[in-house]
C-alpha cells in the first residue's frame, strides 16, 4: 500500500512539473500563482 501511495505522489509531482513548464505560457500568471500556493511548489 505504501508503494502505491509513493507512485501516486511521484506521478502527481511529474504532472505538476509538466503543468508548470508546459502550460505556464497558456494561462494567466495569477492562476499559476494560486496553483503554486495551493500545492506548495514555488517555481521562478
Protein backbone atom coordinates (compact mmCIF):
# COMPACT_ATOMS: atom_id res chain seq x y z
CA UNK A 1 0.00 0.00 0.00
CA UNK A 2 2.90 2.33 0.76
CA UNK A 3 4.28 1.73 -2.73
CA UNK A 4 1.01 2.77 -4.37
CA UNK A 5 0.96 6.00 -2.34
CA UNK A 6 4.56 6.70 -3.35
CA UNK A 7 3.78 6.12 -7.02
CA UNK A 8 0.73 8.38 -6.75
CA UNK A 9 2.84 11.20 -5.29
CA UNK A 10 5.53 10.65 -7.93
CA UNK A 11 3.02 10.82 -10.79
CA UNK A 12 1.34 13.86 -9.26
CA UNK A 13 4.71 15.63 -8.99
CA UNK A 14 5.56 14.73 -12.59
CA UNK A 15 2.22 16.06 -13.84
CA UNK A 16 2.68 19.27 -11.86
CA UNK A 17 6.18 19.65 -13.30
CA UNK A 18 4.82 19.32 -16.85
CA UNK A 19 1.98 21.67 -15.95
CA UNK A 20 4.34 24.32 -14.60
CA UNK A 21 6.76 24.10 -17.53
CA UNK A 22 4.43 23.47 -20.46
CA UNK A 23 1.18 25.19 -19.60
CA UNK A 24 2.74 28.22 -17.92
CA UNK A 25 2.64 30.14 -21.20
CA UNK A 26 -1.02 29.35 -21.79
CA UNK A 27 -2.60 30.53 -18.53
CA UNK A 28 -2.53 33.87 -16.66
CA UNK A 29 0.12 34.44 -14.02
CA UNK A 30 -2.44 34.91 -11.24
CA UNK A 31 -3.91 31.46 -11.81
CA UNK A 32 -0.41 29.97 -11.91
CA UNK A 33 0.43 31.66 -8.61
CA UNK A 34 -2.73 30.30 -6.98
CA UNK A 35 -1.82 26.80 -8.16
CA UNK A 36 1.68 27.13 -6.69
CA UNK A 37 0.34 28.42 -3.39
CA UNK A 38 -2.15 25.56 -3.17
CA UNK A 39 0.40 22.83 -3.87
CA UNK A 40 3.33 24.44 -2.06
CA UNK A 41 5.51 24.37 -5.17
CA UNK A 42 7.36 27.60 -5.89
CA UNK A 43 8.93 27.95 -9.33
CA UNK A 44 10.59 31.03 -10.85
